[in-house]
């Protein structure tokens, strides 16, 4: 996961919006792998709300205060743990 994603998560937590392509037909198998799927999962589960712009991209925001609190604690914490694990895995891989 990239620093761009971290910045976008922070932008949402601060009340901003992000512009993303969303797939509303994800399966559980699709949830791993691509960071783009993170945005689709957050949107389809209601953690983000949005509308489609002229180009077919979604403008996403956090919908309310309750989700805002969950987002600030749980989602950003999960992201930070995932990034840390990815780095550790990458470092182990480079040592082989």
N, C-alpha and C. Protein backbone atom coordinates (compact mmCIF):
# COMPACT_ATOMS: atom_id res chain seq x y z
N UNK A 1 0.84 -1.17 0.00
CA UNK A 1 0.00 0.00 0.00
C UNK A 1 0.89 1.23 0.00
N UNK A 2 0.43 2.26 -0.62
CA UNK A 2 1.30 3.40 -0.88
C UNK A 2 1.08 4.56 0.07
N UNK A 3 2.03 5.48 0.04
CA UNK A 3 1.89 6.70 0.83
C UNK A 3 0.76 7.56 0.27
N UNK A 4 0.45 7.40 -1.02
CA UNK A 4 -0.68 8.12 -1.61
C UNK A 4 -1.98 7.69 -0.94
N UNK A 5 -2.13 6.39 -0.72
CA UNK A 5 -3.33 5.88 -0.05
C UNK A 5 -3.41 6.42 1.37
N UNK A 6 -2.31 6.46 2.07
CA UNK A 6 -2.30 7.01 3.43
C UNK A 6 -2.73 8.47 3.41
N UNK A 7 -2.23 9.22 2.46
CA UNK A 7 -2.61 10.64 2.36
C UNK A 7 -4.10 10.78 2.04
N UNK A 8 -4.62 9.90 1.20
CA UNK A 8 -6.04 9.96 0.86
C UNK A 8 -6.91 9.58 2.05
N UNK A 9 -6.48 8.60 2.84
CA UNK A 9 -7.22 8.24 4.05
C UNK A 9 -7.24 9.41 5.03
N UNK A 10 -6.11 10.08 5.17
CA UNK A 10 -6.05 11.25 6.05
C UNK A 10 -6.93 12.37 5.52
N UNK A 11 -6.93 12.55 4.22
CA UNK A 11 -7.77 13.58 3.60
C UNK A 11 -9.24 13.33 3.92
N UNK A 12 -9.67 12.08 3.82
CA UNK A 12 -11.05 11.74 4.17
C UNK A 12 -11.31 11.99 5.65
N UNK A 13 -10.39 11.60 6.50
CA UNK A 13 -10.55 11.78 7.95
C UNK A 13 -10.66 13.25 8.32
N UNK A 14 -10.07 14.11 7.51
CA UNK A 14 -10.13 15.55 7.76
C UNK A 14 -11.35 16.22 7.12
N UNK A 15 -12.26 15.40 6.57
CA UNK A 15 -13.49 15.94 6.00
C UNK A 15 -13.45 16.17 4.50
N UNK A 16 -12.37 15.78 3.86
CA UNK A 16 -12.24 15.96 2.43
C UNK A 16 -12.86 14.82 1.63
N UNK A 17 -12.60 14.82 0.34
CA UNK A 17 -13.12 13.80 -0.56
C UNK A 17 -11.98 13.26 -1.42
N UNK A 18 -12.19 12.07 -1.96
CA UNK A 18 -11.25 11.49 -2.91
C UNK A 18 -12.02 11.04 -4.14
N UNK A 19 -11.33 10.99 -5.26
CA UNK A 19 -11.94 10.60 -6.54
C UNK A 19 -11.37 9.24 -6.92
N UNK A 20 -12.27 8.23 -7.04
CA UNK A 20 -11.83 6.85 -7.27
C UNK A 20 -12.76 6.12 -8.22
N UNK A 21 -12.20 5.09 -8.85
CA UNK A 21 -13.01 4.15 -9.63
C UNK A 21 -13.53 3.10 -8.65
N UNK A 22 -14.81 2.78 -8.73
CA UNK A 22 -15.42 1.84 -7.80
C UNK A 22 -16.00 0.67 -8.58
N UNK A 23 -15.81 -0.52 -8.04
CA UNK A 23 -16.44 -1.72 -8.57
C UNK A 23 -17.50 -2.15 -7.57
N UNK A 24 -18.75 -2.14 -7.98
CA UNK A 24 -19.83 -2.53 -7.08
C UNK A 24 -20.10 -4.03 -7.13
N UNK A 25 -19.30 -4.77 -7.87
CA UNK A 25 -19.52 -6.21 -8.01
C UNK A 25 -18.35 -7.02 -7.47
N UNK A 26 -17.72 -6.55 -6.42
CA UNK A 26 -16.60 -7.28 -5.82
C UNK A 26 -17.09 -8.55 -5.15
N UNK A 27 -16.26 -9.56 -5.18
CA UNK A 27 -16.49 -10.77 -4.39
C UNK A 27 -15.44 -10.78 -3.27
N UNK A 28 -15.60 -11.68 -2.32
CA UNK A 28 -14.64 -11.75 -1.23
C UNK A 28 -13.24 -12.08 -1.75
N UNK A 29 -13.15 -12.86 -2.82
CA UNK A 29 -11.84 -13.18 -3.39
C UNK A 29 -11.13 -11.95 -3.93
N UNK A 30 -11.93 -10.95 -4.36
CA UNK A 30 -11.34 -9.74 -4.94
C UNK A 30 -10.79 -8.78 -3.89
N UNK A 31 -11.12 -9.00 -2.63
CA UNK A 31 -10.78 -8.00 -1.60
C UNK A 31 -9.29 -7.90 -1.34
N UNK A 32 -8.55 -8.95 -1.56
CA UNK A 32 -7.10 -8.90 -1.38
C UNK A 32 -6.44 -8.50 -2.69
N UNK A 33 -5.28 -7.93 -2.58
CA UNK A 33 -4.49 -7.73 -3.78
C UNK A 33 -4.37 -6.30 -4.23
N UNK A 34 -5.42 -5.69 -4.70
CA UNK A 34 -5.33 -4.36 -5.29
C UNK A 34 -5.87 -3.31 -4.32
N UNK A 35 -5.15 -2.21 -4.19
CA UNK A 35 -5.57 -1.15 -3.30
C UNK A 35 -6.88 -0.52 -3.77
N UNK A 36 -7.14 -0.55 -5.07
CA UNK A 36 -8.40 -0.02 -5.58
C UNK A 36 -9.60 -0.73 -4.96
N UNK A 37 -9.42 -1.99 -4.62
CA UNK A 37 -10.52 -2.74 -4.00
C UNK A 37 -10.85 -2.21 -2.62
N UNK A 38 -9.89 -1.63 -1.93
CA UNK A 38 -10.16 -1.02 -0.62
C UNK A 38 -11.25 0.02 -0.74
N UNK A 39 -11.14 0.88 -1.74
CA UNK A 39 -12.13 1.95 -1.91
C UNK A 39 -13.50 1.37 -2.23
N UNK A 40 -13.53 0.33 -3.05
CA UNK A 40 -14.81 -0.30 -3.40
C UNK A 40 -15.45 -0.93 -2.18
N UNK A 41 -14.65 -1.60 -1.36
CA UNK A 41 -15.18 -2.24 -0.15
C UNK A 41 -15.71 -1.17 0.81
N UNK A 42 -14.96 -0.11 1.02
CA UNK A 42 -15.43 0.95 1.92
C UNK A 42 -16.71 1.61 1.41
N UNK A 43 -16.82 1.74 0.10
CA UNK A 43 -18.02 2.34 -0.50
C UNK A 43 -19.22 1.40 -0.40
N UNK A 44 -19.05 0.16 -0.81
CA UNK A 44 -20.19 -0.76 -0.84
C UNK A 44 -20.67 -1.17 0.55
N UNK A 45 -19.81 -1.03 1.57
CA UNK A 45 -20.22 -1.35 2.94
C UNK A 45 -20.74 -0.14 3.70
N UNK A 46 -20.73 1.03 3.06
CA UNK A 46 -21.31 2.21 3.69
C UNK A 46 -20.36 3.07 4.49
N UNK A 47 -19.08 2.70 4.53
CA UNK A 47 -18.11 3.52 5.25
C UNK A 47 -17.77 4.79 4.47
N UNK A 48 -18.03 4.77 3.18
CA UNK A 48 -17.89 5.96 2.35
C UNK A 48 -19.17 6.11 1.53
N UNK A 49 -19.51 7.32 1.23
CA UNK A 49 -20.64 7.61 0.36
C UNK A 49 -20.13 8.46 -0.79
N UNK A 50 -20.88 8.53 -1.86
CA UNK A 50 -20.37 9.32 -2.97
C UNK A 50 -21.34 9.44 -4.12
N UNK A 51 -20.87 10.10 -5.13
CA UNK A 51 -21.64 10.26 -6.36
C UNK A 51 -20.69 10.09 -7.54
N UNK A 52 -21.27 9.83 -8.69
CA UNK A 52 -20.49 9.60 -9.90
C UNK A 52 -20.36 10.91 -10.67
N UNK A 53 -19.14 11.25 -11.06
CA UNK A 53 -18.93 12.47 -11.84
C UNK A 53 -19.09 12.17 -13.34
N UNK A 54 -18.87 13.15 -14.17
CA UNK A 54 -19.04 13.00 -15.62
C UNK A 54 -18.19 11.91 -16.23
N UNK A 55 -17.04 11.65 -15.64
CA UNK A 55 -16.10 10.67 -16.19
C UNK A 55 -16.33 9.26 -15.65
N UNK A 56 -17.37 9.07 -14.85
CA UNK A 56 -17.65 7.75 -14.28
C UNK A 56 -16.86 7.44 -13.04
N UNK A 57 -16.15 8.43 -12.51
CA UNK A 57 -15.39 8.26 -11.27
C UNK A 57 -16.27 8.66 -10.09
N UNK A 58 -16.03 8.05 -8.95
CA UNK A 58 -16.80 8.35 -7.74
C UNK A 58 -16.06 9.39 -6.91
N UNK A 59 -16.81 10.36 -6.43
CA UNK A 59 -16.30 11.33 -5.46
C UNK A 59 -16.77 10.81 -4.11
N UNK A 60 -15.82 10.39 -3.28
CA UNK A 60 -16.14 9.69 -2.03
C UNK A 60 -15.87 10.55 -0.81
N UNK A 61 -16.75 10.42 0.18
CA UNK A 61 -16.64 11.12 1.46
C UNK A 61 -17.09 10.19 2.59
N UNK A 62 -16.72 10.53 3.79
CA UNK A 62 -17.24 9.84 4.97
C UNK A 62 -18.64 10.40 5.23
N UNK A 63 -19.65 9.53 5.40
CA UNK A 63 -21.03 9.99 5.42
C UNK A 63 -21.51 10.67 6.70
N UNK A 64 -20.96 10.35 7.86
CA UNK A 64 -21.50 10.93 9.10
C UNK A 64 -20.49 10.83 10.24
N UNK A 65 -20.84 11.42 11.36
CA UNK A 65 -19.93 11.49 12.51
C UNK A 65 -19.59 10.11 13.07
N UNK A 66 -20.57 9.20 13.11
CA UNK A 66 -20.31 7.87 13.65
C UNK A 66 -19.27 7.13 12.81
N UNK A 67 -19.42 7.19 11.51
CA UNK A 67 -18.44 6.55 10.64
C UNK A 67 -17.11 7.28 10.72
N UNK A 68 -17.15 8.59 10.88
CA UNK A 68 -15.93 9.38 11.02
C UNK A 68 -15.10 8.87 12.19
N UNK A 69 -15.76 8.59 13.32
CA UNK A 69 -15.05 8.09 14.50
C UNK A 69 -14.45 6.71 14.24
N UNK A 70 -15.21 5.84 13.59
CA UNK A 70 -14.69 4.51 13.25
C UNK A 70 -13.52 4.63 12.29
N UNK A 71 -13.67 5.52 11.34
CA UNK A 71 -12.64 5.73 10.33
C UNK A 71 -11.34 6.18 10.99
N UNK A 72 -11.43 7.17 11.87
CA UNK A 72 -10.23 7.73 12.51
C UNK A 72 -9.53 6.71 13.39
N UNK A 73 -10.27 5.83 14.01
CA UNK A 73 -9.64 4.86 14.92
C UNK A 73 -9.33 3.56 14.21
N UNK A 74 -10.32 2.89 13.71
CA UNK A 74 -10.15 1.52 13.21
C UNK A 74 -9.54 1.44 11.82
N UNK A 75 -10.06 2.17 10.87
CA UNK A 75 -9.62 2.02 9.48
C UNK A 75 -8.20 2.53 9.30
N UNK A 76 -7.89 3.68 9.84
CA UNK A 76 -6.53 4.20 9.70
C UNK A 76 -5.55 3.33 10.49
N UNK A 77 -5.97 2.84 11.64
CA UNK A 77 -5.12 1.93 12.41
C UNK A 77 -4.86 0.64 11.62
N UNK A 78 -5.90 0.08 11.02
CA UNK A 78 -5.73 -1.13 10.19
C UNK A 78 -4.76 -0.85 9.05
N UNK A 79 -4.92 0.27 8.39
CA UNK A 79 -4.04 0.62 7.27
C UNK A 79 -2.59 0.70 7.75
N UNK A 80 -2.36 1.38 8.85
CA UNK A 80 -0.99 1.51 9.36
C UNK A 80 -0.38 0.16 9.73
N UNK A 81 -1.17 -0.73 10.33
CA UNK A 81 -0.67 -2.07 10.65
C UNK A 81 -0.35 -2.85 9.38
N UNK A 82 -1.20 -2.73 8.37
CA UNK A 82 -1.00 -3.44 7.11
C UNK A 82 0.26 -2.96 6.42
N UNK A 83 0.46 -1.66 6.40
CA UNK A 83 1.67 -1.10 5.77
C UNK A 83 2.91 -1.59 6.51
N UNK A 84 2.86 -1.60 7.83
CA UNK A 84 4.00 -2.07 8.62
C UNK A 84 4.28 -3.54 8.31
N UNK A 85 3.26 -4.38 8.23
CA UNK A 85 3.45 -5.79 7.91
C UNK A 85 4.00 -5.97 6.51
N UNK A 86 3.50 -5.18 5.56
CA UNK A 86 4.01 -5.26 4.18
C UNK A 86 5.48 -4.90 4.13
N UNK A 87 5.88 -3.88 4.87
CA UNK A 87 7.29 -3.48 4.90
C UNK A 87 8.15 -4.59 5.49
N UNK A 88 7.68 -5.17 6.61
CA UNK A 88 8.43 -6.23 7.25
C UNK A 88 8.56 -7.43 6.32
N UNK A 89 7.49 -7.78 5.63
CA UNK A 89 7.52 -8.90 4.67
C UNK A 89 8.49 -8.58 3.54
N UNK A 90 8.45 -7.36 3.06
CA UNK A 90 9.36 -6.96 1.98
C UNK A 90 10.80 -7.00 2.41
N UNK A 91 11.07 -6.58 3.64
CA UNK A 91 12.44 -6.61 4.13
C UNK A 91 12.93 -8.04 4.26
N UNK A 92 12.07 -8.96 4.73
CA UNK A 92 12.45 -10.36 4.84
C UNK A 92 12.72 -10.93 3.46
N UNK A 93 11.90 -10.56 2.49
CA UNK A 93 12.06 -11.05 1.13
C UNK A 93 13.39 -10.58 0.55
N UNK A 94 13.74 -9.33 0.76
CA UNK A 94 14.99 -8.79 0.22
C UNK A 94 16.21 -9.45 0.85
N UNK A 95 16.08 -9.96 2.06
CA UNK A 95 17.20 -10.60 2.73
C UNK A 95 17.48 -12.00 2.21
N UNK A 96 16.51 -12.59 1.52
CA UNK A 96 16.69 -13.98 1.02
C UNK A 96 17.70 -14.04 -0.09
